[in-house]
Amino acid sequence: MYKYLLFFFLLSIGIQQECAGVVSKVPPCFKKMQVNFFERAIVEKALNLHLVSQSSWALINKNLNRRSSVVPIQMETIAKRMRPNPLSPFDIEEANKLLIEILFTIFRNTMIEMNFSSESGIREMFLFIQSHQPDIKTLCGVADKKSS
């Protein structure tokens, strides 16, 4: 219950900031990943691999899409409390770590609400979905620090 209260608190703060005209420094390629992470076909493959009832797939996808729409606001809100803030100046590695934490929480909460309670199964499905995403550095055209 406390997780939900925290979520809605952070969401309300984020909405207030968004309405106040807070300007984001997040590149468009990263914003795209924030809201498009849970691609329907990939999510359904993950659900199928873990024998999640096909009758619940549409609702799971709907919930993931709805919750993903507020990820940019959540990121801005949480990042502003971090030192250093990974979004200002934009640090792709740290921002991506935060993004993955937020997306995992969204996925986990959605699956638990759908009565799928296997933590290992939830983590495996999320990792499957994550493994089918484009590399964020490649997507954003950022050179790897190790190669420079």
N, C-alpha and C. Protein backbone atom coordinates (compact mmCIF):
# COMPACT_ATOMS: atom_id res chain seq x y z
N MET A 1 0.82 -1.19 0.00
CA MET A 1 0.00 0.00 0.00
C MET A 1 0.87 1.26 0.00
N TYR A 2 1.96 1.25 0.78
CA TYR A 2 2.83 2.42 0.85
C TYR A 2 3.48 2.70 -0.49
N LYS A 3 3.77 1.63 -1.26
CA LYS A 3 4.37 1.82 -2.58
C LYS A 3 3.41 2.61 -3.47
N TYR A 4 2.12 2.29 -3.37
CA TYR A 4 1.14 2.98 -4.20
C TYR A 4 1.00 4.44 -3.78
N LEU A 5 1.03 4.70 -2.48
CA LEU A 5 0.95 6.07 -1.99
C LEU A 5 2.15 6.87 -2.47
N LEU A 6 3.34 6.27 -2.39
CA LEU A 6 4.54 6.94 -2.87
C LEU A 6 4.45 7.22 -4.36
N PHE A 7 3.97 6.22 -5.11
CA PHE A 7 3.82 6.37 -6.55
C PHE A 7 2.90 7.54 -6.87
N PHE A 8 1.73 7.59 -6.24
CA PHE A 8 0.78 8.66 -6.54
C PHE A 8 1.28 10.02 -6.05
N PHE A 9 2.03 10.03 -4.94
CA PHE A 9 2.62 11.27 -4.48
C PHE A 9 3.61 11.80 -5.50
N LEU A 10 4.51 10.90 -5.95
CA LEU A 10 5.50 11.30 -6.95
C LEU A 10 4.83 11.72 -8.25
N LEU A 11 3.79 11.01 -8.62
CA LEU A 11 3.06 11.33 -9.83
C LEU A 11 2.43 12.72 -9.72
N SER A 12 1.82 13.03 -8.57
CA SER A 12 1.18 14.33 -8.41
C SER A 12 2.21 15.46 -8.45
N ILE A 13 3.37 15.25 -7.85
CA ILE A 13 4.42 16.25 -7.90
C ILE A 13 4.88 16.44 -9.34
N GLY A 14 5.05 15.34 -10.03
CA GLY A 14 5.50 15.41 -11.42
C GLY A 14 4.52 16.14 -12.30
N ILE A 15 3.23 15.91 -12.10
CA ILE A 15 2.21 16.59 -12.89
C ILE A 15 2.23 18.08 -12.58
N GLN A 16 2.40 18.43 -11.32
CA GLN A 16 2.47 19.84 -10.94
C GLN A 16 3.67 20.50 -11.62
N GLN A 17 4.81 19.81 -11.63
CA GLN A 17 6.00 20.38 -12.26
C GLN A 17 5.81 20.51 -13.75
N GLU A 18 5.19 19.51 -14.36
CA GLU A 18 4.95 19.53 -15.80
C GLU A 18 4.05 20.72 -16.15
N CYS A 19 3.03 20.95 -15.35
CA CYS A 19 2.13 22.07 -15.58
C CYS A 19 2.82 23.40 -15.36
N ALA A 20 3.83 23.41 -14.48
CA ALA A 20 4.57 24.64 -14.19
C ALA A 20 5.56 24.98 -15.30
N GLY A 21 5.67 24.11 -16.29
CA GLY A 21 6.54 24.39 -17.43
C GLY A 21 7.98 24.00 -17.23
N VAL A 22 8.24 22.97 -16.45
CA VAL A 22 9.61 22.51 -16.24
C VAL A 22 10.13 21.97 -17.58
N VAL A 23 11.25 22.50 -18.01
CA VAL A 23 11.82 22.11 -19.30
C VAL A 23 12.75 20.92 -19.11
N SER A 24 12.56 19.92 -19.94
CA SER A 24 13.36 18.71 -19.85
C SER A 24 14.58 18.80 -20.74
N LYS A 25 15.69 18.21 -20.27
CA LYS A 25 16.92 18.16 -21.05
C LYS A 25 17.15 16.75 -21.60
N VAL A 26 16.14 15.92 -21.53
CA VAL A 26 16.24 14.54 -21.97
C VAL A 26 16.12 14.50 -23.50
N PRO A 27 17.08 13.83 -24.16
CA PRO A 27 17.02 13.76 -25.63
C PRO A 27 15.81 12.96 -26.10
N PRO A 28 15.30 13.27 -27.28
CA PRO A 28 14.12 12.59 -27.82
C PRO A 28 14.27 11.07 -27.91
N CYS A 29 15.49 10.59 -28.21
CA CYS A 29 15.71 9.15 -28.32
C CYS A 29 15.45 8.46 -26.97
N PHE A 30 15.80 9.13 -25.89
CA PHE A 30 15.60 8.57 -24.55
C PHE A 30 14.13 8.65 -24.16
N LYS A 31 13.48 9.75 -24.52
CA LYS A 31 12.05 9.89 -24.25
C LYS A 31 11.25 8.78 -24.95
N LYS A 32 11.70 8.46 -26.15
CA LYS A 32 11.03 7.40 -26.90
C LYS A 32 11.12 6.08 -26.14
N MET A 33 12.28 5.78 -25.57
CA MET A 33 12.45 4.56 -24.80
C MET A 33 11.59 4.59 -23.53
N GLN A 34 11.46 5.76 -22.92
CA GLN A 34 10.67 5.88 -21.70
C GLN A 34 9.23 5.43 -21.90
N VAL A 35 8.64 5.79 -23.01
CA VAL A 35 7.20 5.52 -23.20
C VAL A 35 6.90 4.34 -24.11
N ASN A 36 7.91 3.83 -24.81
CA ASN A 36 7.68 2.72 -25.75
C ASN A 36 8.38 1.43 -25.37
N PHE A 37 8.82 1.31 -24.15
CA PHE A 37 9.57 0.14 -23.70
C PHE A 37 8.74 -1.15 -23.80
N PHE A 38 7.49 -1.06 -23.40
CA PHE A 38 6.64 -2.26 -23.34
C PHE A 38 5.90 -2.47 -24.66
N GLU A 39 6.64 -2.87 -25.67
CA GLU A 39 6.05 -3.16 -26.98
C GLU A 39 5.17 -4.41 -26.88
N ARG A 40 3.95 -4.32 -27.39
CA ARG A 40 2.96 -5.37 -27.23
C ARG A 40 3.47 -6.76 -27.63
N ALA A 41 4.07 -6.89 -28.78
CA ALA A 41 4.51 -8.21 -29.27
C ALA A 41 5.57 -8.82 -28.36
N ILE A 42 6.49 -8.00 -27.89
CA ILE A 42 7.56 -8.50 -27.01
C ILE A 42 6.99 -8.89 -25.65
N VAL A 43 6.11 -8.04 -25.12
CA VAL A 43 5.47 -8.36 -23.84
C VAL A 43 4.71 -9.68 -23.95
N GLU A 44 3.98 -9.86 -25.03
CA GLU A 44 3.20 -11.09 -25.19
C GLU A 44 4.09 -12.32 -25.32
N LYS A 45 5.24 -12.19 -25.95
CA LYS A 45 6.19 -13.32 -26.01
C LYS A 45 6.66 -13.67 -24.60
N ALA A 46 6.98 -12.65 -23.82
CA ALA A 46 7.43 -12.89 -22.44
C ALA A 46 6.33 -13.56 -21.62
N LEU A 47 5.11 -13.08 -21.77
CA LEU A 47 3.98 -13.66 -21.04
C LEU A 47 3.75 -15.11 -21.46
N ASN A 48 3.85 -15.36 -22.75
CA ASN A 48 3.67 -16.71 -23.26
C ASN A 48 4.73 -17.67 -22.72
N LEU A 49 5.96 -17.21 -22.67
CA LEU A 49 7.05 -18.06 -22.16
C LEU A 49 6.83 -18.46 -20.70
N HIS A 50 6.10 -17.64 -19.97
CA HIS A 50 5.85 -17.92 -18.55
C HIS A 50 4.41 -18.38 -18.31
N LEU A 51 3.77 -18.81 -19.37
CA LEU A 51 2.44 -19.41 -19.31
C LEU A 51 1.40 -18.53 -18.62
N VAL A 52 1.51 -17.24 -18.83
CA VAL A 52 0.50 -16.32 -18.32
C VAL A 52 -0.71 -16.47 -19.24
N SER A 53 -1.88 -16.59 -18.65
CA SER A 53 -3.11 -16.80 -19.41
C SER A 53 -3.28 -15.75 -20.49
N GLN A 54 -3.51 -16.23 -21.71
CA GLN A 54 -3.66 -15.34 -22.86
C GLN A 54 -4.84 -14.38 -22.66
N SER A 55 -5.82 -14.79 -21.88
CA SER A 55 -6.98 -13.94 -21.66
C SER A 55 -6.64 -12.65 -20.89
N SER A 56 -5.50 -12.63 -20.24
CA SER A 56 -5.11 -11.42 -19.48
C SER A 56 -4.10 -10.55 -20.22
N TRP A 57 -3.63 -10.97 -21.37
CA TRP A 57 -2.61 -10.23 -22.10
C TRP A 57 -3.05 -8.80 -22.45
N ALA A 58 -4.27 -8.66 -22.96
CA ALA A 58 -4.74 -7.33 -23.38
C ALA A 58 -4.78 -6.36 -22.21
N LEU A 59 -5.26 -6.82 -21.08
CA LEU A 59 -5.33 -5.95 -19.90
C LEU A 59 -3.92 -5.60 -19.39
N ILE A 60 -3.03 -6.57 -19.40
CA ILE A 60 -1.65 -6.31 -18.99
C ILE A 60 -1.03 -5.25 -19.90
N ASN A 61 -1.18 -5.42 -21.21
CA ASN A 61 -0.63 -4.45 -22.17
C ASN A 61 -1.25 -3.07 -21.98
N LYS A 62 -2.55 -3.03 -21.75
CA LYS A 62 -3.24 -1.75 -21.54
C LYS A 62 -2.67 -1.05 -20.30
N ASN A 63 -2.52 -1.79 -19.21
CA ASN A 63 -1.99 -1.22 -17.97
C ASN A 63 -0.55 -0.74 -18.15
N LEU A 64 0.27 -1.54 -18.83
CA LEU A 64 1.66 -1.14 -19.06
C LEU A 64 1.73 0.13 -19.90
N ASN A 65 0.92 0.21 -20.93
CA ASN A 65 0.93 1.40 -21.79
C ASN A 65 0.46 2.63 -21.03
N ARG A 66 -0.57 2.47 -20.22
CA ARG A 66 -1.09 3.60 -19.43
C ARG A 66 -0.03 4.09 -18.45
N ARG A 67 0.58 3.15 -17.75
CA ARG A 67 1.59 3.52 -16.75
C ARG A 67 2.86 4.05 -17.38
N SER A 68 3.20 3.56 -18.56
CA SER A 68 4.41 4.04 -19.25
C SER A 68 4.27 5.50 -19.67
N SER A 69 3.06 5.94 -19.87
CA SER A 69 2.86 7.32 -20.33
C SER A 69 3.33 8.35 -19.31
N VAL A 70 3.44 7.97 -18.04
CA VAL A 70 3.89 8.92 -17.01
C VAL A 70 5.35 8.71 -16.62
N VAL A 71 6.04 7.81 -17.29
CA VAL A 71 7.46 7.56 -16.96
C VAL A 71 8.30 8.82 -17.09
N PRO A 72 8.15 9.64 -18.13
CA PRO A 72 8.98 10.86 -18.19
C PRO A 72 8.78 11.77 -16.97
N ILE A 73 7.56 11.88 -16.50
CA ILE A 73 7.27 12.72 -15.33
C ILE A 73 7.91 12.10 -14.09
N GLN A 74 7.77 10.79 -13.95
CA GLN A 74 8.38 10.10 -12.81
C GLN A 74 9.89 10.29 -12.81
N MET A 75 10.49 10.13 -13.98
CA MET A 75 11.95 10.28 -14.09
C MET A 75 12.38 11.67 -13.67
N GLU A 76 11.71 12.68 -14.16
CA GLU A 76 12.05 14.06 -13.82
C GLU A 76 11.94 14.27 -12.31
N THR A 77 10.87 13.78 -11.72
CA THR A 77 10.62 13.97 -10.29
C THR A 77 11.69 13.29 -9.44
N ILE A 78 11.98 12.05 -9.74
CA ILE A 78 12.95 11.30 -8.96
C ILE A 78 14.36 11.84 -9.19
N ALA A 79 14.68 12.13 -10.45
CA ALA A 79 16.03 12.59 -10.79
C ALA A 79 16.36 13.92 -10.10
N LYS A 80 15.38 14.77 -9.92
CA LYS A 80 15.63 16.06 -9.27
C LYS A 80 16.07 15.91 -7.82
N ARG A 81 15.74 14.78 -7.23
CA ARG A 81 16.12 14.52 -5.84
C ARG A 81 17.47 13.79 -5.74
N MET A 82 18.00 13.39 -6.87
CA MET A 82 19.27 12.67 -6.89
C MET A 82 20.44 13.65 -7.01
N ARG A 83 21.55 13.27 -6.41
CA ARG A 83 22.77 14.06 -6.51
C ARG A 83 23.88 13.18 -7.00
N PRO A 84 24.39 13.36 -8.19
CA PRO A 84 23.95 14.36 -9.15
C PRO A 84 22.68 13.91 -9.87
N ASN A 85 21.98 14.87 -10.41
CA ASN A 85 20.77 14.60 -11.19
C ASN A 85 21.21 14.02 -12.54
N PRO A 86 20.82 12.77 -12.85
CA PRO A 86 21.27 12.16 -14.11
C PRO A 86 20.65 12.76 -15.37
N LEU A 87 19.66 13.63 -15.18
CA LEU A 87 19.01 14.23 -16.35
C LEU A 87 19.53 15.64 -16.63
N SER A 88 20.30 16.20 -15.70
CA SER A 88 20.77 17.57 -15.88
C SER A 88 22.13 17.77 -15.22
N PRO A 89 23.24 17.72 -15.94
CA PRO A 89 23.30 17.42 -17.37
C PRO A 89 22.99 15.93 -17.61
N PHE A 90 22.54 15.65 -18.80
CA PHE A 90 22.10 14.29 -19.11
C PHE A 90 23.26 13.30 -19.08
N ASP A 91 23.13 12.29 -18.23
CA ASP A 91 24.11 11.20 -18.10
C ASP A 91 23.39 9.93 -18.54
N ILE A 92 23.66 9.48 -19.74
CA ILE A 92 22.90 8.37 -20.33
C ILE A 92 22.97 7.09 -19.49
N GLU A 93 24.12 6.80 -18.91
CA GLU A 93 24.25 5.57 -18.13
C GLU A 93 23.42 5.62 -16.85
N GLU A 94 23.54 6.71 -16.11
CA GLU A 94 22.79 6.83 -14.86
C GLU A 94 21.30 7.01 -15.13
N ALA A 95 20.96 7.76 -16.16
CA ALA A 95 19.55 7.93 -16.52
C ALA A 95 18.93 6.60 -16.91
N ASN A 96 19.70 5.79 -17.63
CA ASN A 96 19.19 4.48 -18.04
C ASN A 96 18.98 3.56 -16.84
N LYS A 97 19.87 3.63 -15.86
CA LYS A 97 19.69 2.82 -14.63
C LYS A 97 18.40 3.20 -13.93
N LEU A 98 18.15 4.49 -13.82
CA LEU A 98 16.91 4.96 -13.19
C LEU A 98 15.70 4.53 -14.00
N LEU A 99 15.79 4.66 -15.31
CA LEU A 99 14.70 4.26 -16.18
C LEU A 99 14.36 2.79 -15.99
N ILE A 100 15.36 1.93 -15.95
CA ILE A 100 15.12 0.49 -15.80
C ILE A 100 14.47 0.20 -14.45
N GLU A 101 14.89 0.88 -13.40
CA GLU A 101 14.26 0.69 -12.08
C GLU A 101 12.77 1.05 -12.13
N ILE A 102 12.47 2.18 -12.75
CA ILE A 102 11.08 2.63 -12.84
C ILE A 102 10.26 1.66 -13.68
N LEU A 103 10.80 1.26 -14.82
CA LEU A 103 10.07 0.33 -15.70
C LEU A 103 9.85 -1.02 -15.03
N PHE A 104 10.85 -1.50 -14.29
CA PHE A 104 10.68 -2.77 -13.59
C PHE A 104 9.57 -2.65 -12.55
N THR A 105 9.53 -1.56 -11.83
CA THR A 105 8.49 -1.35 -10.82
C THR A 105 7.11 -1.34 -11.47
N ILE A 106 6.99 -0.68 -12.61
CA ILE A 106 5.72 -0.66 -13.34
C ILE A 106 5.32 -2.08 -13.74
N PHE A 107 6.28 -2.82 -14.30
CA PHE A 107 5.98 -4.19 -14.74
C PHE A 107 5.61 -5.07 -13.56
N ARG A 108 6.39 -5.00 -12.51
CA ARG A 108 6.15 -5.82 -11.31
C ARG A 108 4.77 -5.53 -10.73
N ASN A 109 4.45 -4.26 -10.55
CA ASN A 109 3.14 -3.90 -9.98
C ASN A 109 1.99 -4.36 -10.86
N THR A 110 2.16 -4.23 -12.16
CA THR A 110 1.12 -4.68 -13.09
C THR A 110 0.91 -6.18 -12.98
N MET A 111 2.00 -6.93 -12.95
CA MET A 111 1.88 -8.39 -12.87
C MET A 111 1.29 -8.84 -11.53
N ILE A 112 1.66 -8.19 -10.46
CA ILE A 112 1.11 -8.55 -9.15
C ILE A 112 -0.39 -8.26 -9.12
N GLU A 113 -0.79 -7.13 -9.70
CA GLU A 113 -2.22 -6.81 -9.78
C GLU A 113 -2.98 -7.84 -10.60
N MET A 114 -2.29 -8.49 -11.52
CA MET A 114 -2.93 -9.53 -12.35
C MET A 114 -2.77 -10.92 -11.72
N ASN A 115 -2.40 -10.92 -10.45
CA ASN A 115 -2.27 -12.15 -9.65
C ASN A 115 -1.13 -13.06 -10.10
N PHE A 116 -0.12 -12.49 -10.71
CA PHE A 116 1.09 -13.25 -11.03
C PHE A 116 2.10 -12.87 -9.96
N SER A 117 2.37 -13.77 -9.04
CA SER A 117 3.14 -13.40 -7.87
C SER A 117 4.55 -13.98 -7.81
N SER A 118 4.98 -14.67 -8.83
CA SER A 118 6.32 -15.24 -8.83
C SER A 118 7.35 -14.14 -9.11
N GLU A 119 8.08 -13.76 -8.07
CA GLU A 119 9.09 -12.71 -8.24
C GLU A 119 10.12 -13.10 -9.29
N SER A 120 10.56 -14.36 -9.26
CA SER A 120 11.56 -14.78 -10.25
C SER A 120 10.96 -14.76 -11.66
N GLY A 121 9.71 -15.15 -11.79
CA GLY A 121 9.04 -15.12 -13.09
C GLY A 121 8.88 -13.69 -13.59
N ILE A 122 8.52 -12.79 -12.70
CA ILE A 122 8.38 -11.38 -13.06
C ILE A 122 9.72 -10.83 -13.53
N ARG A 123 10.77 -11.12 -12.78
CA ARG A 123 12.10 -10.63 -13.14
C ARG A 123 12.54 -11.22 -14.49
N GLU A 124 12.32 -12.52 -14.70
CA GLU A 124 12.70 -13.15 -15.96
C GLU A 124 11.95 -12.55 -17.15
N MET A 125 10.65 -12.30 -16.98
CA MET A 125 9.88 -11.70 -18.07
C MET A 125 10.39 -10.29 -18.37
N PHE A 126 10.67 -9.52 -17.31
CA PHE A 126 11.18 -8.17 -17.52
C PHE A 126 12.52 -8.21 -18.24
N LEU A 127 13.40 -9.09 -17.82
CA LEU A 127 14.71 -9.20 -18.46
C LEU A 127 14.57 -9.61 -19.93
N PHE A 128 13.59 -10.45 -20.23
CA PHE A 128 13.31 -10.84 -21.62
C PHE A 128 12.91 -9.61 -22.42
N ILE A 129 11.99 -8.82 -21.87
CA ILE A 129 11.53 -7.61 -22.55
C ILE A 129 12.70 -6.64 -22.73
N GLN A 130 13.49 -6.47 -21.68
CA GLN A 130 14.63 -5.57 -21.73
C GLN A 130 15.65 -6.02 -22.78
N SER A 131 15.85 -7.32 -22.89
CA SER A 131 16.84 -7.84 -23.85
C SER A 131 16.43 -7.61 -25.31
N HIS A 132 15.16 -7.32 -25.53
CA HIS A 132 14.67 -7.08 -26.88
C HIS A 132 14.58 -5.59 -27.22
N GLN A 133 15.15 -4.76 -26.37
CA GLN A 133 15.16 -3.31 -26.62
C GLN A 133 16.46 -2.94 -27.34
N PRO A 134 16.40 -1.88 -28.14
CA PRO A 134 17.64 -1.41 -28.75
C PRO A 134 18.56 -0.86 -27.67
N ASP A 135 19.85 -0.98 -27.88
CA ASP A 135 20.81 -0.41 -26.95
C ASP A 135 20.62 1.10 -26.92
N ILE A 136 20.45 1.65 -25.72
CA ILE A 136 20.13 3.07 -25.59
C ILE A 136 21.26 3.95 -26.12
N LYS A 137 22.50 3.54 -25.95
CA LYS A 137 23.62 4.35 -26.47
C LYS A 137 23.60 4.37 -27.99
N THR A 138 23.32 3.23 -28.60
CA THR A 138 23.23 3.15 -30.05
C THR A 138 22.04 3.97 -30.55
N LEU A 139 20.91 3.81 -29.85
CA LEU A 139 19.69 4.52 -30.21
C LEU A 139 19.90 6.04 -30.19
N CYS A 140 20.64 6.49 -29.18
CA CYS A 140 20.88 7.93 -29.01
C CYS A 140 22.18 8.39 -29.67
N GLY A 141 22.93 7.48 -30.30
CA GLY A 141 24.15 7.86 -30.99
C GLY A 141 25.25 8.33 -30.06
N VAL A 142 25.35 7.69 -28.90
CA VAL A 142 26.37 8.06 -27.91
C VAL A 142 27.49 7.05 -27.97
N ALA A 143 28.73 7.54 -28.04
CA ALA A 143 29.90 6.66 -28.05
C ALA A 143 30.10 6.07 -26.67
N ASP A 144 30.50 4.82 -26.63
CA ASP A 144 30.80 4.13 -25.37
C ASP A 144 32.05 4.73 -24.75
N LYS A 145 32.00 5.08 -23.46
CA LYS A 145 33.15 5.68 -22.77
C LYS A 145 34.37 4.77 -22.82
N LYS A 146 34.15 3.47 -22.77
CA LYS A 146 35.26 2.52 -22.73
C LYS A 146 36.03 2.51 -24.05
N SER A 147 35.35 2.83 -25.14
CA SER A 147 36.02 2.77 -26.45
C SER A 147 36.74 4.07 -26.79
N SER A 148 36.53 5.13 -26.01
CA SER A 148 37.19 6.39 -26.33
C SER A 148 38.47 6.60 -25.58
